[in-house]
Each structure stands twice: as structure tokens, then as C-alpha cells.
């Protein structure tokens, strides 16, 4: 078990959420 994996997964989750938010706002703006 490596702490890096957990930290990286958390980072990926944040990026994924941010991307979804940007796409959602972009759709509303269109």
C-alpha cells in the first residue's frame, strides 16, 4: 500500500469534478 496512490486518486477526483463543472457551465453559457 502506497500513500502516493491514495493521494493521486484524490487529485484525479478533484480534477474530474472541476472538469465536469467547467463543461456544465460551458453548456449553460452556450
N, C-alpha and C. Protein backbone atom coordinates (compact mmCIF):
# COMPACT_ATOMS: atom_id res chain seq x y z
N UNK A 1 0.84 -1.21 0.00
CA UNK A 1 0.00 0.00 0.00
C UNK A 1 0.87 1.26 0.00
N UNK A 2 0.67 2.10 -0.97
CA UNK A 2 1.47 3.32 -1.04
C UNK A 2 0.59 4.55 -0.90
N UNK A 3 0.96 5.48 -0.02
CA UNK A 3 0.19 6.71 0.21
C UNK A 3 0.05 7.53 -1.08
N UNK A 4 1.02 7.36 -1.98
CA UNK A 4 1.01 8.10 -3.24
C UNK A 4 -0.26 7.78 -4.03
N UNK A 5 -0.62 6.50 -4.06
CA UNK A 5 -1.78 6.08 -4.84
C UNK A 5 -3.05 6.75 -4.35
N UNK A 6 -3.21 6.77 -3.02
CA UNK A 6 -4.39 7.40 -2.42
C UNK A 6 -4.43 8.89 -2.73
N UNK A 7 -3.26 9.52 -2.61
CA UNK A 7 -3.18 10.96 -2.86
C UNK A 7 -3.46 11.28 -4.32
N UNK A 8 -2.92 10.44 -5.20
CA UNK A 8 -3.11 10.67 -6.63
C UNK A 8 -4.58 10.47 -7.01
N UNK A 9 -5.22 9.46 -6.42
CA UNK A 9 -6.62 9.19 -6.72
C UNK A 9 -7.48 10.38 -6.29
N UNK A 10 -7.13 10.97 -5.15
CA UNK A 10 -7.86 12.13 -4.64
C UNK A 10 -7.68 13.31 -5.59
N UNK A 11 -6.45 13.46 -6.12
CA UNK A 11 -6.15 14.55 -7.04
C UNK A 11 -6.93 14.37 -8.34
N UNK A 12 -6.97 13.14 -8.84
CA UNK A 12 -7.72 12.83 -10.06
C UNK A 12 -9.20 13.13 -9.86
N UNK A 13 -9.72 12.80 -8.68
CA UNK A 13 -11.13 13.03 -8.38
C UNK A 13 -11.44 14.53 -8.41
N UNK A 14 -10.54 15.34 -7.85
CA UNK A 14 -10.74 16.79 -7.83
C UNK A 14 -10.73 17.34 -9.26
N UNK A 15 -9.74 16.91 -10.05
CA UNK A 15 -9.63 17.37 -11.44
C UNK A 15 -10.88 16.98 -12.23
N UNK A 16 -11.36 15.75 -12.02
CA UNK A 16 -12.55 15.27 -12.72
C UNK A 16 -13.76 16.11 -12.38
N UNK A 17 -13.90 16.45 -11.09
CA UNK A 17 -15.03 17.28 -10.65
C UNK A 17 -14.95 18.68 -11.26
N UNK A 18 -13.74 19.25 -11.27
CA UNK A 18 -13.55 20.59 -11.83
C UNK A 18 -13.89 20.60 -13.32
N UNK A 19 -13.44 19.57 -14.03
CA UNK A 19 -13.71 19.47 -15.48
C UNK A 19 -15.21 19.38 -15.73
N UNK A 20 -15.90 18.57 -14.95
CA UNK A 20 -17.35 18.45 -15.11
C UNK A 20 -18.04 19.78 -14.87
N UNK A 21 -17.57 20.52 -13.86
CA UNK A 21 -18.16 21.83 -13.54
C UNK A 21 -17.95 22.80 -14.69
N UNK A 22 -16.74 22.81 -15.26
CA UNK A 22 -16.44 23.71 -16.38
C UNK A 22 -17.31 23.37 -17.58
N UNK A 23 -17.43 22.08 -17.90
CA UNK A 23 -18.25 21.65 -19.04
C UNK A 23 -19.70 22.03 -18.81
N UNK A 24 -20.20 21.83 -17.59
CA UNK A 24 -21.59 22.15 -17.26
C UNK A 24 -21.85 23.64 -17.44
N UNK A 25 -20.94 24.46 -16.94
CA UNK A 25 -21.08 25.92 -17.07
C UNK A 25 -21.00 26.33 -18.53
N UNK A 26 -20.14 25.65 -19.29
CA UNK A 26 -19.97 25.97 -20.71
C UNK A 26 -21.27 25.68 -21.47
N UNK A 27 -21.92 24.57 -21.12
CA UNK A 27 -23.19 24.21 -21.77
C UNK A 27 -24.26 25.24 -21.44
N UNK A 28 -24.29 25.70 -20.20
CA UNK A 28 -25.29 26.70 -19.79
C UNK A 28 -25.03 28.03 -20.50
N UNK A 29 -23.75 28.33 -20.72
CA UNK A 29 -23.39 29.60 -21.37
C UNK A 29 -23.75 29.58 -22.86
N UNK A 30 -23.72 28.41 -23.45
CA UNK A 30 -24.00 28.30 -24.89
C UNK A 30 -25.47 28.57 -25.19
